[in-house]
């Protein structure tokens, strides 16, 4: 991993413009005397990272992107008067129009014109996100029990856990200026003092902060942030995944009461394909999708079969490597953060196979880790397909 991949990737990136290379994380030169005849390399690490909090199996495999197209082109929308409009080729054609006419259709029952939903309207990472949870499927609320740590400690000794976040180490001194005793155990403070700690107003105070070397640092306008504000302001400004995880421990998480965990704006669930909305389709195990594809084709009129074959074939092509790798039990709506390292690596491998590259060196770090013996044959099949496409496959051993 440290030589074959590092050197292959480095040499490929060296062929790119400096402007481009600056925007790609690079590895250093391998500490070896010489490496010859090495092609461009891709590494599939044992512990791939999850792209983000909104990542799901559907988005990581990109199958959900195809499903969104299926729902926008082949779906049965509902008009504002409650009539379910049957799928027609005219609806699919309306999605490809330019400007204000895109997606504009007429209800055959009541004659009202309305906008059917496009593929982007089903994306919970953008326009299709539930407005309440912003596409996360969960809502969170600050847990007052987590804001205060050990109540037997004094504030100076760190009783307020919310103030042990970056940039707030001086907050106990500001609280002292606001009238809170900081050298007695927190559980001995008066109700008024505790209210200042938890809900005190933002005000500026002049304070003196003693340093470890005995000097005193004076601040004329130190802003007081109560325990709630300290966490909420940090959450609003931080962009670091590590910092976000640290801040999340102050919250309790609940299933979103509006979208019920589907992440999608409930308005989008009126557009159906073969009797299912897109949230219900996302809840199907990957192994059930071929059966759902057959239902879609049987449900559509004859003049839509060519378009259906085009879209569903793309879905099945993206799906097959995942089935070969034994991931048939996963659902598209499964959160990426809940996947094991073995599942993440196999998703990565399945996505790589679809690209049908040639002349690439694939370096895999223990690809069978966590894999059931029954699925090893599928993994070997994938390796043979990579080699048949003109690539080299290497296994990293530590």
Protein backbone atom coordinates (compact mmCIF):
# COMPACT_ATOMS: atom_id res chain seq x y z
CA UNK A 1 0.00 0.00 0.00
CA UNK A 2 2.82 2.39 0.88
CA UNK A 3 4.95 1.68 -2.21
CA UNK A 4 2.89 0.30 -5.10
CA UNK A 5 -0.08 2.60 -4.61
CA UNK A 6 1.90 5.61 -3.39
CA UNK A 7 4.32 5.51 -6.30
CA UNK A 8 1.69 4.72 -8.95
CA UNK A 9 -0.59 7.50 -7.75
CA UNK A 10 2.27 9.97 -7.39
CA UNK A 11 3.49 9.41 -10.94
CA UNK A 12 -0.01 9.79 -12.36
CA UNK A 13 -0.56 13.04 -10.47
CA UNK A 14 2.81 14.35 -11.61
CA UNK A 15 1.42 14.31 -15.15
CA UNK A 16 -1.31 16.79 -14.18
CA UNK A 17 -1.04 20.55 -14.08
CA UNK A 18 0.32 22.16 -10.91
CA UNK A 19 -3.00 23.97 -10.39
CA UNK A 20 -4.82 20.62 -10.35
CA UNK A 21 -2.25 18.85 -8.16
CA UNK A 22 -2.59 21.48 -5.45
CA UNK A 23 -6.23 20.47 -5.00
CA UNK A 24 -5.58 16.75 -4.65
CA UNK A 25 -4.08 15.23 -1.52
CA UNK A 26 -0.82 13.56 -2.50
CA UNK A 27 1.51 11.04 -0.93
CA UNK A 28 5.27 11.43 -0.71
CA UNK A 29 7.85 9.64 -2.80
CA UNK A 30 8.29 5.99 -1.80
CA UNK A 31 11.41 5.30 0.25
CA UNK A 32 12.89 2.76 -2.20
CA UNK A 33 15.80 2.84 -4.61
CA UNK A 34 13.82 2.30 -7.78
CA UNK A 35 10.34 1.34 -9.04
CA UNK A 36 9.93 0.59 -12.75
CA UNK A 37 7.00 -0.03 -15.10
CA UNK A 38 4.29 0.81 -12.57
CA UNK A 39 0.91 1.89 -13.96
CA UNK A 40 -1.54 4.41 -12.49
CA UNK A 41 -2.80 3.00 -9.20
CA UNK A 42 -5.99 2.94 -7.16
CA UNK A 43 -6.01 1.80 -3.52
CA UNK A 44 -9.03 0.36 -1.76
CA UNK A 45 -8.21 0.67 1.89
CA UNK A 46 -9.53 -1.62 4.60
CA UNK A 47 -11.18 1.29 6.40
CA UNK A 48 -12.67 3.65 3.79
CA UNK A 49 -14.08 6.90 5.11
CA UNK A 50 -17.80 7.69 5.01
CA UNK A 51 -18.31 10.79 2.80
CA UNK A 52 -20.70 12.61 5.15
CA UNK A 53 -23.67 12.54 7.50
CA UNK A 54 -26.13 12.42 4.59
CA UNK A 55 -24.39 9.51 2.87
CA UNK A 56 -26.42 6.34 2.40
CA UNK A 57 -25.87 3.07 0.58
CA UNK A 58 -27.90 4.54 -2.29
CA UNK A 59 -25.76 7.66 -2.65
CA UNK A 60 -22.44 5.89 -2.07
CA UNK A 61 -23.18 3.26 -4.73
CA UNK A 62 -24.88 5.91 -6.94
CA UNK A 63 -27.83 3.56 -7.43
CA UNK A 64 -30.08 6.19 -5.85
CA UNK A 65 -29.12 8.61 -8.65
CA UNK A 66 -30.57 6.18 -11.21
CA UNK A 67 -33.65 5.59 -9.02
CA UNK A 68 -34.29 9.35 -8.97
CA UNK A 69 -34.22 9.38 -12.77
CA UNK A 70 -36.63 6.45 -12.88
CA UNK A 71 -39.08 8.28 -10.61
CA UNK A 72 -38.88 11.54 -12.56
CA UNK A 73 -39.18 9.97 -16.05
CA UNK A 74 -41.34 6.90 -15.43
CA UNK A 75 -43.31 8.02 -12.39
CA UNK A 76 -46.99 8.67 -11.84
CA UNK A 77 -47.34 12.20 -10.38
CA UNK A 78 -50.32 13.52 -8.44
CA UNK A 79 -51.98 16.75 -9.54
CA UNK A 80 -52.86 19.52 -7.03
CA UNK A 81 -56.48 18.33 -7.03
CA UNK A 82 -55.48 14.85 -5.89
CA UNK A 83 -55.68 12.92 -9.17
CA UNK A 84 -52.94 10.34 -9.78
CA UNK A 85 -51.75 10.89 -13.35
CA UNK A 86 -50.77 7.64 -15.12
CA UNK A 87 -47.23 7.44 -16.54
CA UNK A 88 -46.92 8.54 -20.16
CA UNK A 89 -44.10 9.25 -22.56
CA UNK A 90 -45.24 12.90 -22.59
CA UNK A 91 -44.34 13.23 -18.89
CA UNK A 92 -40.87 11.85 -19.59
CA UNK A 93 -40.47 14.26 -22.54
CA UNK A 94 -41.59 17.19 -20.37
CA UNK A 95 -38.64 16.54 -18.07
CA UNK A 96 -36.23 17.22 -20.93
CA UNK A 97 -37.72 20.57 -21.92
CA UNK A 98 -35.78 23.77 -21.28
CA UNK A 99 -36.68 26.72 -19.08
CA UNK A 100 -40.05 27.21 -17.39
CA UNK A 101 -41.69 24.43 -19.44
CA UNK A 102 -39.53 21.71 -17.89
CA UNK A 103 -41.72 19.22 -16.07
CA UNK A 104 -44.96 21.09 -16.84
CA UNK A 105 -47.80 18.62 -17.49
CA UNK A 106 -51.60 18.66 -17.65
CA UNK A 107 -53.84 16.45 -15.55
CA UNK A 108 -56.05 14.40 -17.92
CA UNK A 109 -58.83 14.27 -15.30
CA UNK A 110 -59.28 17.92 -14.24
CA UNK A 111 -57.15 19.77 -16.80
CA UNK A 112 -55.00 21.61 -14.27
CA UNK A 113 -51.41 22.33 -15.28
CA UNK A 114 -48.75 21.56 -12.71
CA UNK A 115 -45.06 20.78 -12.33
CA UNK A 116 -44.08 17.13 -11.97
CA UNK A 117 -41.01 16.39 -9.90
CA UNK A 118 -37.60 16.16 -11.56
CA UNK A 119 -34.71 13.93 -10.54
CA UNK A 120 -33.23 16.78 -8.51
CA UNK A 121 -36.49 17.14 -6.59
CA UNK A 122 -35.94 13.65 -5.14
CA UNK A 123 -32.39 14.36 -3.90
CA UNK A 124 -32.29 14.63 -0.12
CA UNK A 125 -28.89 16.30 -0.46
CA UNK A 126 -30.48 19.29 -2.18
CA UNK A 127 -33.99 20.22 -3.40
CA UNK A 128 -35.71 17.07 -2.15
CA UNK A 129 -34.54 17.32 1.44
CA UNK A 130 -37.04 17.32 4.27
CA UNK A 131 -37.22 20.92 5.45
CA UNK A 132 -37.39 19.95 9.12
CA UNK A 133 -34.27 17.77 9.33
CA UNK A 134 -32.51 19.12 6.20
CA UNK A 135 -32.14 15.65 4.70
CA UNK A 136 -30.58 13.97 7.74
CA UNK A 137 -33.62 11.89 8.71
CA UNK A 138 -33.01 12.75 12.35
CA UNK A 139 -33.41 15.81 14.52
CA UNK A 140 -31.28 16.64 17.50
CA UNK A 141 -31.82 18.50 20.72
CA UNK A 142 -29.27 19.67 23.24
CA UNK A 143 -29.22 17.41 26.29
CA UNK A 144 -28.98 19.59 29.44
CA UNK A 145 -27.54 16.62 31.34
CA UNK A 146 -24.52 16.58 29.01
CA UNK A 147 -23.80 20.32 29.23
CA UNK A 148 -22.73 19.94 32.84
CA UNK A 149 -20.17 17.24 33.58
CA UNK A 150 -19.24 16.32 37.15
CA UNK A 151 -21.47 18.43 39.43
CA UNK A 152 -19.17 17.76 42.38
CA UNK A 153 -16.46 19.82 40.64
CA UNK A 154 -16.24 23.58 40.66
CA UNK A 155 -16.62 25.56 37.45
CA UNK A 156 -12.94 26.50 37.59
CA UNK A 157 -12.09 22.78 37.69
CA UNK A 158 -14.22 22.01 34.63
CA UNK A 159 -17.75 21.27 35.85
CA UNK A 160 -19.28 22.89 32.73
CA UNK A 161 -18.47 20.43 29.92
CA UNK A 162 -19.82 22.87 27.31
CA UNK A 163 -17.02 25.30 28.16
CA UNK A 164 -14.32 22.70 27.60
CA UNK A 165 -14.68 23.24 23.84
CA UNK A 166 -12.03 25.09 21.77
CA UNK A 167 -11.87 28.84 22.33
CA UNK A 168 -13.87 28.85 25.56
CA UNK A 169 -11.30 28.02 28.20
CA UNK A 170 -11.66 31.54 29.64
CA UNK A 171 -15.47 31.32 30.01
CA UNK A 172 -15.35 30.47 33.76
CA UNK A 173 -13.62 33.83 34.34
CA UNK A 174 -16.38 35.59 32.39
CA UNK A 175 -19.01 33.71 34.43
CA UNK A 176 -17.28 34.93 37.58
CA UNK A 177 -17.59 38.50 36.30
CA UNK A 178 -21.31 37.80 35.67
CA UNK A 179 -21.77 36.94 39.35
CA UNK A 180 -21.27 33.17 39.47
CA UNK A 181 -19.03 31.55 42.11
CA UNK A 182 -16.54 29.36 40.28
CA UNK A 183 -14.60 27.90 43.21
CA UNK A 184 -17.41 25.95 44.89
CA UNK A 185 -18.89 22.64 43.66
CA UNK A 186 -21.49 23.18 40.94
CA UNK A 187 -24.13 21.34 42.95
CA UNK A 188 -23.77 23.96 45.69
CA UNK A 189 -24.52 26.92 43.43
CA UNK A 190 -27.79 28.80 43.85
CA UNK A 191 -30.57 28.39 41.28
CA UNK A 192 -29.82 31.91 40.05
CA UNK A 193 -26.16 31.06 39.47
CA UNK A 194 -27.07 27.85 37.64
CA UNK A 195 -29.52 29.82 35.48
CA UNK A 196 -26.72 32.21 34.50
CA UNK A 197 -24.51 29.24 33.57
CA UNK A 198 -27.20 27.62 31.42
CA UNK A 199 -29.27 30.56 30.15
CA UNK A 200 -27.40 33.76 30.96
CA UNK A 201 -27.65 36.59 28.42
CA UNK A 202 -24.79 37.39 26.08
CA UNK A 203 -22.98 40.36 27.59
CA UNK A 204 -19.46 41.69 27.42
CA UNK A 205 -17.32 41.94 30.53
CA UNK A 206 -13.84 43.26 31.36
CA UNK A 207 -11.82 40.36 32.77
CA UNK A 208 -8.28 39.46 33.75
CA UNK A 209 -7.06 36.01 32.70
CA UNK A 210 -4.04 34.71 34.63
CA UNK A 211 -1.55 32.69 32.55
CA UNK A 212 0.62 29.80 33.65
CA UNK A 213 3.76 31.92 33.72
CA UNK A 214 2.20 34.36 36.18
CA UNK A 215 1.29 37.08 33.72
CA UNK A 216 -2.22 38.49 33.50
CA UNK A 217 -3.98 38.93 30.16
CA UNK A 218 -6.65 41.65 30.19
CA UNK A 219 -9.76 41.60 27.98
CA UNK A 220 -12.04 44.66 27.87
CA UNK A 221 -14.87 43.03 25.90
CA UNK A 222 -14.99 39.31 26.73
CA UNK A 223 -18.32 37.96 25.46
CA UNK A 224 -20.20 35.66 27.83
CA UNK A 225 -21.72 32.54 26.25
CA UNK A 226 -23.93 30.34 28.35
CA UNK A 227 -23.57 26.56 28.17
CA UNK A 228 -26.30 26.19 25.51
CA UNK A 229 -24.97 28.98 23.31
CA UNK A 230 -21.42 27.68 23.53
CA UNK A 231 -22.39 24.38 21.89
CA UNK A 232 -24.89 25.83 19.41
CA UNK A 233 -22.44 28.50 18.21
CA UNK A 234 -19.66 25.92 17.87
CA UNK A 235 -21.95 23.64 15.88
CA UNK A 236 -22.92 26.48 13.56
CA UNK A 237 -19.34 27.47 12.75
CA UNK A 238 -17.26 24.29 12.75
CA UNK A 239 -16.53 22.42 9.51
CA UNK A 240 -14.31 19.70 10.93
CA UNK A 241 -15.80 16.18 11.01
CA UNK A 242 -13.78 15.43 14.16
CA UNK A 243 -15.12 18.54 15.89
CA UNK A 244 -18.68 17.72 14.82
CA UNK A 245 -18.43 14.26 16.38
CA UNK A 246 -17.13 15.82 19.58
CA UNK A 247 -20.02 18.29 19.67
CA UNK A 248 -22.66 15.65 18.86
CA UNK A 249 -22.14 14.05 22.27
CA UNK A 250 -24.00 17.03 23.75
CA UNK A 251 -27.14 16.16 21.77
CA UNK A 252 -29.93 13.61 21.88
CA UNK A 253 -31.08 12.33 18.50
CA UNK A 254 -34.64 11.54 17.41
CA UNK A 255 -36.23 10.27 14.20
CA UNK A 256 -37.53 13.28 12.28
CA UNK A 257 -41.28 13.59 13.01
CA UNK A 258 -41.96 15.13 9.57
CA UNK A 259 -40.25 12.72 7.15
CA UNK A 260 -40.15 9.79 9.64
CA UNK A 261 -36.51 9.15 8.83
CA UNK A 262 -36.86 8.98 5.03
CA UNK A 263 -34.85 12.24 4.64
CA UNK A 264 -37.10 13.25 1.74
CA UNK A 265 -39.64 16.07 1.65
CA UNK A 266 -43.01 14.31 2.18
CA UNK A 267 -44.47 16.25 -0.78
CA UNK A 268 -42.26 14.17 -3.09
CA UNK A 269 -43.79 10.90 -1.93
CA UNK A 270 -46.95 11.42 -3.99
CA UNK A 271 -45.11 10.48 -7.21
CA UNK A 272 -45.32 6.70 -7.57
CA UNK A 273 -43.64 3.98 -9.61
CA UNK A 274 -45.35 0.59 -9.69
CA UNK A 275 -47.35 1.59 -6.61
CA UNK A 276 -44.34 2.59 -4.49
CA UNK A 277 -43.02 6.02 -3.59
CA UNK A 278 -39.28 6.63 -3.68
CA UNK A 279 -38.88 6.20 0.09
CA UNK A 280 -40.51 2.76 -0.06
CA UNK A 281 -38.28 1.77 -2.98
CA UNK A 282 -35.23 2.92 -1.02
CA UNK A 283 -36.21 0.60 1.83
CA UNK A 284 -36.04 -2.48 -0.41
CA UNK A 285 -32.99 -4.73 0.06
CA UNK A 286 -30.64 -4.54 -2.93
CA UNK A 287 -31.42 -8.18 -3.66
CA UNK A 288 -35.09 -7.26 -4.23
CA UNK A 289 -34.39 -4.55 -6.81
CA UNK A 290 -34.34 -6.89 -9.86
CA UNK A 291 -37.84 -7.99 -8.87
CA UNK A 292 -38.89 -4.34 -8.53
CA UNK A 293 -37.47 -3.63 -12.01
CA UNK A 294 -39.67 -6.40 -13.43
CA UNK A 295 -42.71 -4.85 -11.70
CA UNK A 296 -41.87 -1.45 -13.22
CA UNK A 297 -41.72 -2.84 -16.76
CA UNK A 298 -44.99 -4.73 -16.33
CA UNK A 299 -46.65 -1.57 -14.97
CA UNK A 300 -45.62 0.78 -17.81
CA UNK A 301 -47.38 1.13 -21.20
CA UNK A 302 -45.77 -0.32 -24.34
CA UNK A 303 -44.51 3.02 -25.69
CA UNK A 304 -42.40 3.53 -22.52
CA UNK A 305 -40.64 0.17 -22.56
CA UNK A 306 -37.56 1.41 -24.46
CA UNK A 307 -37.00 4.24 -21.98
CA UNK A 308 -37.65 1.85 -19.09
CA UNK A 309 -35.12 -0.64 -20.46
CA UNK A 310 -32.54 2.14 -20.78
CA UNK A 311 -32.93 3.33 -17.18
CA UNK A 312 -33.45 -0.02 -15.48
CA UNK A 313 -30.50 -1.58 -17.34
CA UNK A 314 -28.27 1.13 -15.91
CA UNK A 315 -29.60 0.40 -12.42
CA UNK A 316 -29.02 -3.34 -12.80
CA UNK A 317 -25.50 -2.80 -14.17
CA UNK A 318 -24.60 -0.77 -11.10
CA UNK A 319 -26.32 -3.28 -8.85
CA UNK A 320 -24.78 -6.56 -10.08
CA UNK A 321 -21.24 -6.11 -8.62
CA UNK A 322 -22.78 -5.41 -5.22
CA UNK A 323 -24.86 -8.57 -5.42
CA UNK A 324 -21.77 -10.56 -6.45
CA UNK A 325 -20.01 -9.19 -3.36
CA UNK A 326 -22.77 -10.42 -1.05
CA UNK A 327 -24.34 -7.04 -0.25
CA UNK A 328 -27.86 -8.07 -1.29
CA UNK A 329 -29.16 -7.54 2.29
CA UNK A 330 -28.33 -3.80 2.38
CA UNK A 331 -31.03 -1.23 1.67
CA UNK A 332 -30.47 2.01 -0.21
CA UNK A 333 -31.64 4.10 2.74
CA UNK A 334 -29.11 2.52 5.13
CA UNK A 335 -26.94 5.29 6.61
CA UNK A 336 -23.30 5.13 5.53
CA UNK A 337 -22.12 5.68 9.10
CA UNK A 338 -23.71 2.37 10.18
CA UNK A 339 -21.76 0.23 7.68
CA UNK A 340 -18.88 -1.99 8.74
CA UNK A 341 -15.42 -1.49 7.26
CA UNK A 342 -15.85 -4.64 5.17
CA UNK A 343 -19.13 -3.36 3.75
CA UNK A 344 -17.60 0.02 2.97
CA UNK A 345 -14.69 -1.55 1.13
CA UNK A 346 -16.92 -3.83 -0.93
CA UNK A 347 -19.13 -0.87 -1.90
CA UNK A 348 -15.97 0.93 -2.97
CA UNK A 349 -14.85 -2.10 -4.95
CA UNK A 350 -18.24 -2.54 -6.62
CA UNK A 351 -18.29 1.12 -7.67
CA UNK A 352 -14.76 0.85 -9.06
CA UNK A 353 -15.64 -2.16 -11.19
CA UNK A 354 -18.38 -0.22 -12.98
CA UNK A 355 -15.89 2.26 -14.39
CA UNK A 356 -14.42 -0.49 -16.63
CA UNK A 357 -10.95 1.05 -16.60
CA UNK A 358 -7.93 -0.59 -18.17
CA UNK A 359 -4.23 -0.47 -17.40
CA UNK A 360 -4.76 0.35 -13.73
CA UNK A 361 -3.07 -1.24 -10.72
CA UNK A 362 -5.61 -1.99 -7.97
CA UNK A 363 -4.09 -2.39 -4.52
CA UNK A 364 -6.49 -3.88 -1.96
CA UNK A 365 -5.97 -3.96 1.79
CA UNK A 366 -7.32 -7.29 3.11
CA UNK A 367 -10.46 -7.21 0.90
CA UNK A 368 -11.99 -10.34 2.45
CA UNK A 369 -12.01 -8.92 6.00
CA UNK A 370 -15.39 -9.54 7.64
CA UNK A 371 -16.61 -11.41 4.56
CA UNK A 372 -18.63 -14.60 4.98
CA UNK A 373 -16.92 -17.61 3.32
CA UNK A 374 -19.94 -18.00 1.02
CA UNK A 375 -19.23 -14.58 -0.50
CA UNK A 376 -15.50 -15.08 -1.15
CA UNK A 377 -16.27 -16.65 -4.53
CA UNK A 378 -18.10 -13.45 -5.55
CA UNK A 379 -15.08 -11.40 -4.49
CA UNK A 380 -12.77 -13.60 -6.59
CA UNK A 381 -15.17 -13.21 -9.53
CA UNK A 382 -14.81 -9.43 -9.20
CA UNK A 383 -11.01 -9.72 -9.22
CA UNK A 384 -11.12 -11.81 -12.39
CA UNK A 385 -13.33 -9.19 -14.05
CA UNK A 386 -10.84 -6.45 -13.16
CA UNK A 387 -8.00 -8.52 -14.65
CA UNK A 388 -10.06 -9.35 -17.75
CA UNK A 389 -10.50 -5.62 -18.33
CA UNK A 390 -6.73 -5.29 -18.55
CA UNK A 391 -5.84 -4.30 -15.00
CA UNK A 392 -3.51 -5.68 -12.33
CA UNK A 393 -4.74 -6.58 -8.84
CA UNK A 394 -2.45 -6.73 -5.81
CA UNK A 395 -3.18 -7.61 -2.19
CA UNK A 396 -1.55 -5.60 0.57
CA UNK A 397 -0.05 -7.65 3.40
CA UNK A 398 1.19 -5.96 6.56
